């Protein structure tokens, strides 16, 4: 069964649009891989589990380290929050934002 990648709402669209060009291009490549093979089969260099049903897409390029937090449900992947990562760990504020948006689903 093929995977479908969805954007939660206009807030996430704006966050995605704010990402640098190189990061957005890498993200688009990873999304295509997810749609073709599923998030578990493309490897930890692109997708990894965080906690509490949250996963992250890791879109790294020369423009920065982009992250998209998402939840998988059936064969749907719903993007909840997108940002540029500036520290080694995923910020707790980013996880909190994604969790609060997850409650809206």
PDB file of N, CA and C in Angstrom:
ATOM      1  N   UNK A   1       0.838  -1.180   0.000  1.00  0.00           N
ATOM      2  CA  UNK A   1       0.000   0.000   0.000  1.00  0.00           C
ATOM      3  C   UNK A   1       0.884   1.245   0.000  1.00  0.00           C
ATOM      4  N   UNK A   2       0.676   2.168  -0.925  1.00  0.00           N
ATOM      5  CA  UNK A   2       1.532   3.363  -1.000  1.00  0.00           C
ATOM      6  C   UNK A   2       1.258   4.335   0.152  1.00  0.00           C
ATOM      7  N   UNK A   3       2.277   5.066   0.516  1.00  0.00           N
ATOM      8  CA  UNK A   3       2.161   6.079   1.557  1.00  0.00           C
ATOM      9  C   UNK A   3       1.742   7.406   0.936  1.00  0.00           C
ATOM     10  N   UNK A   4       1.029   8.182   1.720  1.00  0.00           N
ATOM     11  CA  UNK A   4       0.606   9.517   1.277  1.00  0.00           C
ATOM     12  C   UNK A   4       1.114  10.520   2.312  1.00  0.00           C
ATOM     13  N   UNK A   5       1.834  11.530   1.847  1.00  0.00           N
ATOM     14  CA  UNK A   5       2.373  12.563   2.728  1.00  0.00           C
ATOM     15  C   UNK A   5       1.457  13.780   2.647  1.00  0.00           C
ATOM     16  N   UNK A   6       1.019  14.256   3.819  1.00  0.00           N
ATOM     17  CA  UNK A   6       0.101  15.389   3.885  1.00  0.00           C
ATOM     18  C   UNK A   6       0.676  16.465   4.797  1.00  0.00           C
ATOM     19  N   UNK A   7       0.256  17.700   4.552  1.00  0.00           N
ATOM     20  CA  UNK A   7       0.621  18.836   5.395  1.00  0.00           C
ATOM     21  C   UNK A   7      -0.586  19.151   6.263  1.00  0.00           C
ATOM     22  N   UNK A   8      -0.390  19.300   7.561  1.00  0.00           N
ATOM     23  CA  UNK A   8      -1.492  19.495   8.488  1.00  0.00           C
ATOM     24  C   UNK A   8      -2.357  20.701   8.116  1.00  0.00           C
ATOM     25  N   UNK A   9      -1.732  21.874   7.954  1.00  0.00           N
ATOM     26  CA  UNK A   9      -2.501  23.087   7.656  1.00  0.00           C
ATOM     27  C   UNK A   9      -1.589  24.195   7.150  1.00  0.00           C
ATOM     28  N   UNK A  10      -2.154  25.413   7.061  1.00  0.00           N
ATOM     29  CA  UNK A  10      -1.420  26.556   6.511  1.00  0.00           C
ATOM     30  C   UNK A  10      -0.209  26.944   7.354  1.00  0.00           C
ATOM     31  N   UNK A  11      -0.230  26.674   8.653  1.00  0.00           N
ATOM     32  CA  UNK A  11       0.934  26.990   9.499  1.00  0.00           C
ATOM     33  C   UNK A  11       2.145  26.189   9.053  1.00  0.00           C
ATOM     34  N   UNK A  12       1.948  24.921   8.784  1.00  0.00           N
ATOM     35  CA  UNK A  12       3.054  24.061   8.355  1.00  0.00           C
ATOM     36  C   UNK A  12       3.495  24.452   6.948  1.00  0.00           C
ATOM     37  N   UNK A  13       2.551  24.810   6.090  1.00  0.00           N
ATOM     38  CA  UNK A  13       2.920  25.271   4.746  1.00  0.00           C
ATOM     39  C   UNK A  13       3.838  26.482   4.828  1.00  0.00           C
ATOM     40  N   UNK A  14       3.507  27.442   5.701  1.00  0.00           N
ATOM     41  CA  UNK A  14       4.357  28.632   5.868  1.00  0.00           C
ATOM     42  C   UNK A  14       5.737  28.252   6.393  1.00  0.00           C
ATOM     43  N   UNK A  15       5.790  27.321   7.336  1.00  0.00           N
ATOM     44  CA  UNK A  15       7.077  26.880   7.871  1.00  0.00           C
ATOM     45  C   UNK A  15       7.915  26.198   6.794  1.00  0.00           C
ATOM     46  N   UNK A  16       7.273  25.398   5.959  1.00  0.00           N
ATOM     47  CA  UNK A  16       7.993  24.740   4.866  1.00  0.00           C
ATOM     48  C   UNK A  16       8.496  25.759   3.854  1.00  0.00           C
ATOM     49  N   UNK A  17       7.671  26.749   3.549  1.00  0.00           N
ATOM     50  CA  UNK A  17       8.073  27.784   2.598  1.00  0.00           C
ATOM     51  C   UNK A  17       9.235  28.625   3.115  1.00  0.00           C
ATOM     52  N   UNK A  18       9.376  28.717   4.432  1.00  0.00           N
ATOM     53  CA  UNK A  18      10.454  29.514   5.025  1.00  0.00           C
ATOM     54  C   UNK A  18      11.803  28.790   5.032  1.00  0.00           C
ATOM     55  N   UNK A  19      11.803  27.497   4.750  1.00  0.00           N
ATOM     56  CA  UNK A  19      13.059  26.747   4.729  1.00  0.00           C
ATOM     57  C   UNK A  19      13.919  27.183   3.545  1.00  0.00           C
ATOM     58  N   UNK A  20      15.247  27.192   3.702  1.00  0.00           N
ATOM     59  CA  UNK A  20      16.137  27.532   2.589  1.00  0.00           C
ATOM     60  C   UNK A  20      15.955  26.574   1.403  1.00  0.00           C
ATOM     61  N   UNK A  21      16.304  27.029   0.230  1.00  0.00           N
ATOM     62  CA  UNK A  21      16.104  26.282  -1.004  1.00  0.00           C
ATOM     63  C   UNK A  21      16.725  24.896  -0.980  1.00  0.00           C
ATOM     64  N   UNK A  22      17.967  24.787  -0.524  1.00  0.00           N
ATOM     65  CA  UNK A  22      18.641  23.486  -0.486  1.00  0.00           C
ATOM     66  C   UNK A  22      17.967  22.505   0.454  1.00  0.00           C
ATOM     67  N   UNK A  23      17.536  22.997   1.595  1.00  0.00           N
ATOM     68  CA  UNK A  23      16.846  22.143   2.568  1.00  0.00           C
ATOM     69  C   UNK A  23      15.515  21.689   1.998  1.00  0.00           C
ATOM     70  N   UNK A  24      14.798  22.614   1.363  1.00  0.00           N
ATOM     71  CA  UNK A  24      13.482  22.270   0.793  1.00  0.00           C
ATOM     72  C   UNK A  24      13.638  21.241  -0.331  1.00  0.00           C
ATOM     73  N   UNK A  25      14.689  21.370  -1.141  1.00  0.00           N
ATOM     74  CA  UNK A  25      14.926  20.398  -2.216  1.00  0.00           C
ATOM     75  C   UNK A  25      15.208  19.011  -1.633  1.00  0.00           C
ATOM     76  N   UNK A  26      16.019  18.949  -0.599  1.00  0.00           N
ATOM     77  CA  UNK A  26      16.322  17.668   0.049  1.00  0.00           C
ATOM     78  C   UNK A  26      15.061  17.086   0.684  1.00  0.00           C
ATOM     79  N   UNK A  27      14.257  17.932   1.302  1.00  0.00           N
ATOM     80  CA  UNK A  27      13.003  17.484   1.895  1.00  0.00           C
ATOM     81  C   UNK A  27      12.077  16.893   0.833  1.00  0.00           C
ATOM     82  N   UNK A  28      11.987  17.530  -0.301  1.00  0.00           N
ATOM     83  CA  UNK A  28      11.147  17.017  -1.384  1.00  0.00           C
ATOM     84  C   UNK A  28      11.619  15.641  -1.850  1.00  0.00           C
ATOM     85  N   UNK A  29      12.937  15.431  -1.904  1.00  0.00           N
ATOM     86  CA  UNK A  29      13.478  14.123  -2.273  1.00  0.00           C
ATOM     87  C   UNK A  29      13.094  13.059  -1.240  1.00  0.00           C
ATOM     88  N   UNK A  30      13.208  13.404   0.031  1.00  0.00           N
ATOM     89  CA  UNK A  30      12.886  12.450   1.092  1.00  0.00           C
ATOM     90  C   UNK A  30      11.401  12.129   1.095  1.00  0.00           C
ATOM     91  N   UNK A  31      10.567  13.126   0.878  1.00  0.00           N
ATOM     92  CA  UNK A  31       9.116  12.889   0.813  1.00  0.00           C
ATOM     93  C   UNK A  31       8.798  11.911  -0.311  1.00  0.00           C
ATOM     94  N   UNK A  32       9.465  12.060  -1.444  1.00  0.00           N
ATOM     95  CA  UNK A  32       9.240  11.133  -2.559  1.00  0.00           C
ATOM     96  C   UNK A  32       9.650   9.709  -2.173  1.00  0.00           C
ATOM     97  N   UNK A  33      10.772   9.571  -1.468  1.00  0.00           N
ATOM     98  CA  UNK A  33      11.202   8.250  -0.996  1.00  0.00           C
ATOM     99  C   UNK A  33      10.175   7.646  -0.038  1.00  0.00           C
ATOM    100  N   UNK A  34       9.647   8.473   0.849  1.00  0.00           N
ATOM    101  CA  UNK A  34       8.638   7.993   1.797  1.00  0.00           C
ATOM    102  C   UNK A  34       7.399   7.516   1.057  1.00  0.00           C
ATOM    103  N   UNK A  35       6.953   8.274   0.069  1.00  0.00           N
ATOM    104  CA  UNK A  35       5.764   7.884  -0.686  1.00  0.00           C
ATOM    105  C   UNK A  35       5.996   6.588  -1.456  1.00  0.00           C
ATOM    106  N   UNK A  36       7.221   6.362  -1.895  1.00  0.00           N
ATOM    107  CA  UNK A  36       7.541   5.157  -2.662  1.00  0.00           C
ATOM    108  C   UNK A  36       7.767   3.925  -1.783  1.00  0.00           C
ATOM    109  N   UNK A  37       8.437   4.104  -0.634  1.00  0.00           N
ATOM    110  CA  UNK A  37       8.881   2.954   0.156  1.00  0.00           C
ATOM    111  C   UNK A  37       8.354   2.912   1.587  1.00  0.00           C
ATOM    112  N   UNK A  38       7.832   4.002   2.098  1.00  0.00           N
ATOM    113  CA  UNK A  38       7.390   4.064   3.483  1.00  0.00           C
ATOM    114  C   UNK A  38       8.488   4.601   4.383  1.00  0.00           C
ATOM    115  N   UNK A  39       8.124   5.202   5.508  1.00  0.00           N
ATOM    116  CA  UNK A  39       9.126   5.856   6.362  1.00  0.00           C
ATOM    117  C   UNK A  39      10.096   4.894   7.037  1.00  0.00           C
ATOM    118  N   UNK A  40       9.679   3.687   7.337  1.00  0.00           N
ATOM    119  CA  UNK A  40      10.563   2.751   8.044  1.00  0.00           C
ATOM    120  C   UNK A  40      11.637   2.156   7.132  1.00  0.00           C
ATOM    121  N   UNK A  41      11.399   2.152   5.840  1.00  0.00           N
ATOM    122  CA  UNK A  41      12.303   1.472   4.912  1.00  0.00           C
ATOM    123  C   UNK A  41      13.334   2.375   4.248  1.00  0.00           C
ATOM    124  N   UNK A  42      13.333   3.676   4.541  1.00  0.00           N
ATOM    125  CA  UNK A  42      14.302   4.542   3.859  1.00  0.00           C
ATOM    126  C   UNK A  42      15.535   4.847   4.705  1.00  0.00           C
ATOM    127  N   UNK A  43      15.533   4.444   5.954  1.00  0.00           N
ATOM    128  CA  UNK A  43      16.744   4.540   6.752  1.00  0.00           C
ATOM    129  C   UNK A  43      16.786   5.703   7.719  1.00  0.00           C
ATOM    130  N   UNK A  44      17.576   5.523   8.766  1.00  0.00           N
ATOM    131  CA  UNK A  44      17.672   6.499   9.847  1.00  0.00           C
ATOM    132  C   UNK A  44      18.379   7.781   9.434  1.00  0.00           C
ATOM    133  N   UNK A  45      19.086   7.763   8.327  1.00  0.00           N
ATOM    134  CA  UNK A  45      19.723   9.012   7.898  1.00  0.00           C
ATOM    135  C   UNK A  45      18.691  10.019   7.396  1.00  0.00           C
ATOM    136  N   UNK A  46      17.511   9.543   7.024  1.00  0.00           N
ATOM    137  CA  UNK A  46      16.447  10.429   6.528  1.00  0.00           C
ATOM    138  C   UNK A  46      15.288  10.573   7.500  1.00  0.00           C
ATOM    139  N   UNK A  47      14.926   9.511   8.176  1.00  0.00           N
ATOM    140  CA  UNK A  47      13.760   9.504   9.068  1.00  0.00           C
ATOM    141  C   UNK A  47      14.125   8.765  10.350  1.00  0.00           C
ATOM    142  N   UNK A  48      13.737   9.336  11.490  1.00  0.00           N
ATOM    143  CA  UNK A  48      13.979   8.622  12.745  1.00  0.00           C
ATOM    144  C   UNK A  48      12.843   8.891  13.722  1.00  0.00           C
ATOM    145  N   UNK A  49      12.620   7.929  14.606  1.00  0.00           N
ATOM    146  CA  UNK A  49      11.595   8.044  15.637  1.00  0.00           C
ATOM    147  C   UNK A  49      12.107   8.935  16.751  1.00  0.00           C
ATOM    148  N   UNK A  50      11.259   9.848  17.242  1.00  0.00           N
ATOM    149  CA  UNK A  50      11.624  10.694  18.383  1.00  0.00           C
ATOM    150  C   UNK A  50      11.029  10.128  19.664  1.00  0.00           C
ATOM    151  N   UNK A  51       9.730  10.324  19.852  1.00  0.00           N
ATOM    152  CA  UNK A  51       9.001   9.806  21.011  1.00  0.00           C
ATOM    153  C   UNK A  51       7.525  10.166  20.880  1.00  0.00           C
ATOM    154  N   UNK A  52       6.705   9.499  21.652  1.00  0.00           N
ATOM    155  CA  UNK A  52       5.264   9.804  21.716  1.00  0.00           C
ATOM    156  C   UNK A  52       4.612   9.894  20.334  1.00  0.00           C
ATOM    157  N   UNK A  53       4.832   8.893  19.517  1.00  0.00           N
ATOM    158  CA  UNK A  53       4.275   8.807  18.160  1.00  0.00           C
ATOM    159  C   UNK A  53       4.886   9.801  17.168  1.00  0.00           C
ATOM    160  N   UNK A  54       5.836  10.626  17.594  1.00  0.00           N
ATOM    161  CA  UNK A  54       6.438  11.629  16.715  1.00  0.00           C
ATOM    162  C   UNK A  54       7.701  11.090  16.052  1.00  0.00           C
ATOM    163  N   UNK A  55       7.811  11.384  14.777  1.00  0.00           N
ATOM    164  CA  UNK A  55       8.976  11.057  13.978  1.00  0.00           C
ATOM    165  C   UNK A  55       9.523  12.352  13.411  1.00  0.00           C
ATOM    166  N   UNK A  56      10.767  12.302  12.897  1.00  0.00           N
ATOM    167  CA  UNK A  56      11.302  13.482  12.229  1.00  0.00           C
ATOM    168  C   UNK A  56      11.934  13.104  10.900  1.00  0.00           C
ATOM    169  N   UNK A  57      11.723  13.975   9.925  1.00  0.00           N
ATOM    170  CA  UNK A  57      12.425  13.897   8.648  1.00  0.00           C
ATOM    171  C   UNK A  57      13.656  14.770   8.801  1.00  0.00           C
ATOM    172  N   UNK A  58      14.798  14.243   8.391  1.00  0.00           N
ATOM    173  CA  UNK A  58      16.067  14.946   8.525  1.00  0.00           C
ATOM    174  C   UNK A  58      16.550  15.373   7.147  1.00  0.00           C
ATOM    175  N   UNK A  59      16.323  16.632   6.827  1.00  0.00           N
ATOM    176  CA  UNK A  59      16.681  17.169   5.513  1.00  0.00           C
ATOM    177  C   UNK A  59      17.885  18.094   5.669  1.00  0.00           C
ATOM    178  N   UNK A  60      19.065  17.539   5.534  1.00  0.00           N
ATOM    179  CA  UNK A  60      20.300  18.310   5.684  1.00  0.00           C
ATOM    180  C   UNK A  60      20.859  18.684   4.321  1.00  0.00           C
ATOM    181  N   UNK A  61      21.314  19.933   4.213  1.00  0.00           N
ATOM    182  CA  UNK A  61      21.967  20.392   2.987  1.00  0.00           C
ATOM    183  C   UNK A  61      23.000  21.443   3.365  1.00  0.00           C
ATOM    184  N   UNK A  62      23.643  22.008   2.368  1.00  0.00           N
ATOM    185  CA  UNK A  62      24.626  23.059   2.639  1.00  0.00           C
ATOM    186  C   UNK A  62      23.954  24.309   3.218  1.00  0.00           C
ATOM    187  N   UNK A  63      22.615  24.420   3.075  1.00  0.00           N
ATOM    188  CA  UNK A  63      21.868  25.569   3.596  1.00  0.00           C
ATOM    189  C   UNK A  63      21.495  25.433   5.063  1.00  0.00           C
ATOM    190  N   UNK A  64      21.626  24.248   5.630  1.00  0.00           N
ATOM    191  CA  UNK A  64      21.262  24.061   7.033  1.00  0.00           C
ATOM    192  C   UNK A  64      20.698  22.680   7.295  1.00  0.00           C
ATOM    193  N   UNK A  65      20.216  22.510   8.510  1.00  0.00           N
ATOM    194  CA  UNK A  65      19.666  21.230   8.954  1.00  0.00           C
ATOM    195  C   UNK A  65      18.165  21.394   9.176  1.00  0.00           C
ATOM    196  N   UNK A  66      17.390  21.057   8.169  1.00  0.00           N
ATOM    197  CA  UNK A  66      15.944  21.168   8.267  1.00  0.00           C
ATOM    198  C   UNK A  66      15.356  19.928   8.904  1.00  0.00           C
ATOM    199  N   UNK A  67      14.312  20.143   9.682  1.00  0.00           N
ATOM    200  CA  UNK A  67      13.596  19.042  10.312  1.00  0.00           C
ATOM    201  C   UNK A  67      12.102  19.250  10.130  1.00  0.00           C
ATOM    202  N   UNK A  68      11.407  18.146   9.924  1.00  0.00           N
ATOM    203  CA  UNK A  68       9.950  18.163   9.892  1.00  0.00           C
ATOM    204  C   UNK A  68       9.480  17.072  10.842  1.00  0.00           C
ATOM    205  N   UNK A  69       8.705  17.471  11.835  1.00  0.00           N
ATOM    206  CA  UNK A  69       8.148  16.506  12.771  1.00  0.00           C
ATOM    207  C   UNK A  69       6.807  16.045  12.220  1.00  0.00           C
ATOM    208  N   UNK A  70       6.569  14.741  12.291  1.00  0.00           N
ATOM    209  CA  UNK A  70       5.355  14.198  11.707  1.00  0.00           C
ATOM    210  C   UNK A  70       4.853  13.013  12.507  1.00  0.00           C
ATOM    211  N   UNK A  71       3.635  12.616  12.200  1.00  0.00           N
ATOM    212  CA  UNK A  71       3.035  11.428  12.784  1.00  0.00           C
ATOM    213  C   UNK A  71       2.568  10.551  11.625  1.00  0.00           C
ATOM    214  N   UNK A  72       2.704   9.255  11.782  1.00  0.00           N
ATOM    215  CA  UNK A  72       2.224   8.319  10.774  1.00  0.00           C
ATOM    216  C   UNK A  72       0.939   7.674  11.256  1.00  0.00           C
ATOM    217  N   UNK A  73      -0.037   7.605  10.384  1.00  0.00           N
ATOM    218  CA  UNK A  73      -1.314   7.010  10.744  1.00  0.00           C
ATOM    219  C   UNK A  73      -1.820   6.242   9.537  1.00  0.00           C
ATOM    220  N   UNK A  74      -1.994   4.910   9.714  1.00  0.00           N
ATOM    221  CA  UNK A  74      -2.332   4.022   8.597  1.00  0.00           C
ATOM    222  C   UNK A  74      -1.281   4.208   7.516  1.00  0.00           C
ATOM    223  N   UNK A  75      -1.641   4.572   6.324  1.00  0.00           N
ATOM    224  CA  UNK A  75      -0.657   4.815   5.272  1.00  0.00           C
ATOM    225  C   UNK A  75      -0.533   6.303   4.983  1.00  0.00           C
ATOM    226  N   UNK A  76      -0.781   7.107   6.002  1.00  0.00           N
ATOM    227  CA  UNK A  76      -0.670   8.564   5.883  1.00  0.00           C
ATOM    228  C   UNK A  76       0.440   9.065   6.787  1.00  0.00           C
ATOM    229  N   UNK A  77       1.154  10.023   6.301  1.00  0.00           N
ATOM    230  CA  UNK A  77       2.165  10.708   7.084  1.00  0.00           C
ATOM    231  C   UNK A  77       1.727  12.163   7.128  1.00  0.00           C
ATOM    232  N   UNK A  78       1.535  12.721   8.317  1.00  0.00           N
ATOM    233  CA  UNK A  78       1.034  14.088   8.447  1.00  0.00           C
ATOM    234  C   UNK A  78       2.127  14.958   9.046  1.00  0.00           C
ATOM    235  N   UNK A  79       2.566  15.956   8.274  1.00  0.00           N
ATOM    236  CA  UNK A  79       3.592  16.886   8.731  1.00  0.00           C
ATOM    237  C   UNK A  79       2.970  17.850   9.733  1.00  0.00           C
ATOM    238  N   UNK A  80       3.610  17.962  10.905  1.00  0.00           N
ATOM    239  CA  UNK A  80       3.067  18.775  11.990  1.00  0.00           C
ATOM    240  C   UNK A  80       3.833  20.070  12.230  1.00  0.00           C
ATOM    241  N   UNK A  81       5.160  20.047  12.025  1.00  0.00           N
ATOM    242  CA  UNK A  81       5.973  21.215  12.343  1.00  0.00           C
ATOM    243  C   UNK A  81       7.282  21.139  11.569  1.00  0.00           C
ATOM    244  N   UNK A  82       7.678  22.237  10.952  1.00  0.00           N
ATOM    245  CA  UNK A  82       8.930  22.293  10.190  1.00  0.00           C
ATOM    246  C   UNK A  82       9.788  23.439  10.722  1.00  0.00           C
ATOM    247  N   UNK A  83      11.103  23.189  10.808  1.00  0.00           N
ATOM    248  CA  UNK A  83      12.006  24.210  11.339  1.00  0.00           C
ATOM    249  C   UNK A  83      13.436  23.904  10.926  1.00  0.00           C
ATOM    250  N   UNK A  84      14.308  24.897  11.097  1.00  0.00           N
ATOM    251  CA  UNK A  84      15.748  24.708  10.921  1.00  0.00           C
ATOM    252  C   UNK A  84      16.344  24.406  12.282  1.00  0.00           C
ATOM    253  N   UNK A  85      17.100  23.369  12.346  1.00  0.00           N
ATOM    254  CA  UNK A  85      17.711  22.933  13.602  1.00  0.00           C
ATOM    255  C   UNK A  85      19.023  23.686  13.800  1.00  0.00           C
ATOM    256  N   UNK A  86      19.196  24.256  14.967  1.00  0.00           N
ATOM    257  CA  UNK A  86      20.393  25.040  15.247  1.00  0.00           C
ATOM    258  C   UNK A  86      21.264  24.433  16.338  1.00  0.00           C
ATOM    259  N   UNK A  87      20.724  23.446  17.037  1.00  0.00           N
ATOM    260  CA  UNK A  87      21.484  22.781  18.097  1.00  0.00           C
ATOM    261  C   UNK A  87      21.569  21.289  17.788  1.00  0.00           C
ATOM    262  N   UNK A  88      22.341  20.587  18.577  1.00  0.00           N
ATOM    263  CA  UNK A  88      22.534  19.161  18.343  1.00  0.00           C
ATOM    264  C   UNK A  88      21.269  18.344  18.587  1.00  0.00           C
ATOM    265  N   UNK A  89      20.506  18.693  19.601  1.00  0.00           N
ATOM    266  CA  UNK A  89      19.280  17.964  19.943  1.00  0.00           C
ATOM    267  C   UNK A  89      18.066  18.673  19.372  1.00  0.00           C
ATOM    268  N   UNK A  90      17.017  17.901  19.144  1.00  0.00           N
ATOM    269  CA  UNK A  90      15.755  18.496  18.717  1.00  0.00           C
ATOM    270  C   UNK A  90      15.191  19.282  19.894  1.00  0.00           C
ATOM    271  N   UNK A  91      14.919  20.582  19.700  1.00  0.00           N
ATOM    272  CA  UNK A  91      14.452  21.415  20.821  1.00  0.00           C
ATOM    273  C   UNK A  91      13.123  20.919  21.400  1.00  0.00           C
ATOM    274  N   UNK A  92      13.008  20.994  22.717  1.00  0.00           N
ATOM    275  CA  UNK A  92      11.767  20.602  23.379  1.00  0.00           C
ATOM    276  C   UNK A  92      10.593  21.452  22.926  1.00  0.00           C
ATOM    277  N   UNK A  93      10.847  22.719  22.610  1.00  0.00           N
ATOM    278  CA  UNK A  93       9.772  23.595  22.134  1.00  0.00           C
ATOM    279  C   UNK A  93       9.197  23.078  20.817  1.00  0.00           C
ATOM    280  N   UNK A  94      10.054  22.556  19.947  1.00  0.00           N
ATOM    281  CA  UNK A  94       9.589  21.999  18.670  1.00  0.00           C
ATOM    282  C   UNK A  94       8.725  20.767  18.912  1.00  0.00           C
ATOM    283  N   UNK A  95       9.141  19.923  19.838  1.00  0.00           N
ATOM    284  CA  UNK A  95       8.376  18.718  20.159  1.00  0.00           C
ATOM    285  C   UNK A  95       7.029  19.100  20.778  1.00  0.00           C
ATOM    286  N   UNK A  96       7.039  20.091  21.647  1.00  0.00           N
ATOM    287  CA  UNK A  96       5.792  20.547  22.268  1.00  0.00           C
ATOM    288  C   UNK A  96       4.826  21.106  21.233  1.00  0.00           C
ATOM    289  N   UNK A  97       5.340  21.883  20.281  1.00  0.00           N
ATOM    290  CA  UNK A  97       4.494  22.426  19.220  1.00  0.00           C
ATOM    291  C   UNK A  97       3.877  21.304  18.405  1.00  0.00           C
ATOM    292  N   UNK A  98       4.681  20.324  18.037  1.00  0.00           N
ATOM    293  CA  UNK A  98       4.173  19.197  17.247  1.00  0.00           C
ATOM    294  C   UNK A  98       3.122  18.412  18.029  1.00  0.00           C
ATOM    295  N   UNK A  99       3.362  18.203  19.323  1.00  0.00           N
ATOM    296  CA  UNK A  99       2.399  17.469  20.152  1.00  0.00           C
ATOM    297  C   UNK A  99       1.060  18.214  20.246  1.00  0.00           C
ATOM    298  N   UNK A 100       1.117  19.519  20.396  1.00  0.00           N
ATOM    299  CA  UNK A 100      -0.130  20.279  20.490  1.00  0.00           C
ATOM    300  C   UNK A 100      -0.884  20.241  19.162  1.00  0.00           C
ATOM    301  N   UNK A 101      -0.168  20.266  18.051  1.00  0.00           N
ATOM    302  CA  UNK A 101      -0.822  20.162  16.746  1.00  0.00           C
ATOM    303  C   UNK A 101      -1.362  18.763  16.502  1.00  0.00           C
ATOM    304  N   UNK A 102      -0.711  17.758  17.063  1.00  0.00           N
ATOM    305  CA  UNK A 102      -1.185  16.385  16.929  1.00  0.00           C
ATOM    306  C   UNK A 102      -2.563  16.220  17.564  1.00  0.00           C
ATOM    307  N   UNK A 103      -2.802  16.951  18.640  1.00  0.00           N
ATOM    308  CA  UNK A 103      -4.110  16.890  19.304  1.00  0.00           C
ATOM    309  C   UNK A 103      -5.237  17.417  18.412  1.00  0.00           C
ATOM    310  N   UNK A 104      -4.894  18.229  17.405  1.00  0.00           N
ATOM    311  CA  UNK A 104      -5.898  18.797  16.498  1.00  0.00           C
ATOM    312  C   UNK A 104      -6.386  17.802  15.467  1.00  0.00           C
ATOM    313  N   UNK A 105      -5.666  16.721  15.301  1.00  0.00           N
ATOM    314  CA  UNK A 105      -6.030  15.737  14.274  1.00  0.00           C
ATOM    315  C   UNK A 105      -7.207  14.904  14.743  1.00  0.00           C
TER     316      UNK A 105
END
